[in-house]
Amino acid sequence: MLLSAAALAFVIGLYGASAALRIARRPEAVLPFESGRLPQQHAVSRYHARWYAVTLLFVAFDMEMVFMYPWAVVVADLGASAVVEMFGFLAVLFVGVTYVWREGALRWT
């Protein structure tokens, strides 16, 4: 109990010391760095919504490769059940690809 109280007092002391010793920042100093110029637009507004679907597709195939390598190493030991499970996993990925395709994320026109 005494050690917990000492640790809590230490943390509160550090926060108090940092508040007392910090230098006041100019408003420009807390803006994102953009070569010294003020940003022209908000950081989130730059990306079109279709890129989120493309990101979903990338993550789906990235996860496929992450799970495919260890599966390939042990598939001979596990037998047919491992093959069935991998095809089930690939079916879930295919559903994701079908969703992205249906949403039109793969059309670039």
Protein backbone atom coordinates (compact mmCIF):
# COMPACT_ATOMS: atom_id res chain seq x y z
CA MET A 1 0.00 0.00 0.00
CA LEU A 2 2.85 2.37 0.86
CA LEU A 3 4.62 1.61 -2.43
CA SER A 4 1.43 2.33 -4.42
CA ALA A 5 1.00 5.66 -2.65
CA ALA A 6 4.63 6.57 -3.34
CA ALA A 7 4.27 5.66 -7.02
CA LEU A 8 1.08 7.73 -7.31
CA ALA A 9 2.76 10.71 -5.60
CA PHE A 10 5.72 10.38 -7.97
CA VAL A 11 3.48 10.40 -11.07
CA ILE A 12 1.49 13.38 -9.80
CA GLY A 13 4.75 15.17 -9.03
CA LEU A 14 6.07 14.56 -12.55
CA TYR A 15 2.87 15.90 -14.09
CA GLY A 16 3.04 18.97 -11.85
CA ALA A 17 6.70 19.59 -12.69
CA SER A 18 6.07 19.32 -16.42
CA ALA A 19 3.13 21.76 -16.16
CA ALA A 20 5.23 24.23 -14.17
CA LEU A 21 8.32 24.04 -16.42
CA ARG A 22 6.80 23.90 -19.89
CA ILE A 23 7.18 26.76 -22.29
CA ALA A 24 3.98 28.24 -23.68
CA ARG A 25 3.59 27.22 -27.31
CA ARG A 26 2.59 29.46 -30.14
CA PRO A 27 -0.61 28.34 -31.91
CA GLU A 28 1.42 27.71 -35.09
CA ALA A 29 3.66 25.29 -33.22
CA VAL A 30 0.86 22.81 -32.61
CA LEU A 31 -0.25 22.67 -36.25
CA PRO A 32 0.91 19.76 -38.44
CA PHE A 33 4.26 20.34 -40.10
CA GLU A 34 3.90 21.41 -43.71
CA SER A 35 7.13 23.20 -44.62
CA GLY A 36 6.30 26.16 -42.40
CA ARG A 37 3.06 26.98 -44.22
CA LEU A 38 -0.43 26.75 -42.80
CA PRO A 39 -2.35 23.70 -44.06
CA GLN A 40 -4.74 24.40 -46.93
CA GLN A 41 -7.20 21.63 -46.05
CA HIS A 42 -8.02 19.25 -43.24
CA ALA A 43 -5.83 16.13 -43.09
CA VAL A 44 -8.75 13.68 -43.33
CA SER A 45 -10.42 15.38 -46.29
CA ARG A 46 -7.71 14.49 -48.79
CA TYR A 47 -8.68 10.90 -49.51
CA HIS A 48 -11.59 9.74 -51.61
CA ALA A 49 -13.91 7.23 -49.97
CA ARG A 50 -13.09 4.52 -52.54
CA TRP A 51 -9.59 4.21 -51.08
CA TYR A 52 -11.08 2.69 -47.93
CA ALA A 53 -12.46 -0.20 -49.98
CA VAL A 54 -9.09 -0.61 -51.70
CA THR A 55 -7.48 -0.68 -48.27
CA LEU A 56 -9.92 -3.39 -47.22
CA LEU A 57 -8.90 -5.41 -50.27
CA PHE A 58 -5.19 -4.93 -49.49
CA VAL A 59 -5.64 -6.02 -45.88
CA ALA A 60 -7.60 -9.08 -47.02
CA PHE A 61 -4.81 -10.24 -49.31
CA ASP A 62 -2.14 -9.27 -46.81
CA MET A 63 -3.78 -11.42 -44.15
CA GLU A 64 -4.07 -14.21 -46.68
CA MET A 65 -0.30 -14.26 -47.10
CA VAL A 66 0.29 -14.00 -43.36
CA PHE A 67 -1.76 -17.14 -42.75
CA MET A 68 -0.80 -18.98 -45.94
CA TYR A 69 2.90 -19.43 -45.12
CA PRO A 70 2.53 -21.18 -41.75
CA TRP A 71 -0.29 -23.25 -43.21
CA ALA A 72 1.96 -24.38 -46.07
CA VAL A 73 4.62 -25.44 -43.57
CA VAL A 74 2.31 -27.69 -41.53
CA VAL A 75 -0.29 -28.81 -44.10
CA ALA A 76 1.40 -32.17 -44.64
CA ASP A 77 1.26 -32.94 -40.92
CA LEU A 78 -2.35 -31.86 -40.42
CA GLY A 79 -3.84 -33.58 -43.46
CA ALA A 80 -7.16 -32.95 -45.18
CA SER A 81 -8.69 -30.93 -42.36
CA ALA A 82 -6.06 -28.22 -42.90
CA VAL A 83 -6.94 -28.05 -46.60
CA VAL A 84 -10.65 -27.71 -45.80
CA GLU A 85 -9.96 -24.96 -43.26
CA MET A 86 -7.78 -23.05 -45.72
CA PHE A 87 -10.47 -23.19 -48.39
CA GLY A 88 -12.94 -21.87 -45.80
CA PHE A 89 -10.57 -19.00 -45.07
CA LEU A 90 -10.15 -18.31 -48.78
CA ALA A 91 -13.94 -18.31 -49.15
CA VAL A 92 -14.19 -15.54 -46.53
CA LEU A 93 -11.56 -13.57 -48.45
CA PHE A 94 -13.46 -14.13 -51.67
CA VAL A 95 -16.55 -12.63 -50.03
CA GLY A 96 -14.48 -9.54 -49.18
CA VAL A 97 -13.17 -9.25 -52.73
CA THR A 98 -16.69 -9.66 -54.10
CA TYR A 99 -17.90 -6.87 -51.82
CA VAL A 100 -15.14 -4.52 -52.97
CA TRP A 101 -15.80 -5.39 -56.61
CA ARG A 102 -19.56 -4.85 -56.19
CA GLU A 103 -18.95 -1.46 -54.57
CA GLY A 104 -16.96 -0.41 -57.63
CA ALA A 105 -13.65 0.13 -55.91
CA LEU A 106 -11.79 -1.71 -58.66
CA ARG A 107 -13.09 0.64 -61.41
CA TRP A 108 -10.67 3.47 -62.07
CA THR A 109 -12.73 5.49 -64.51
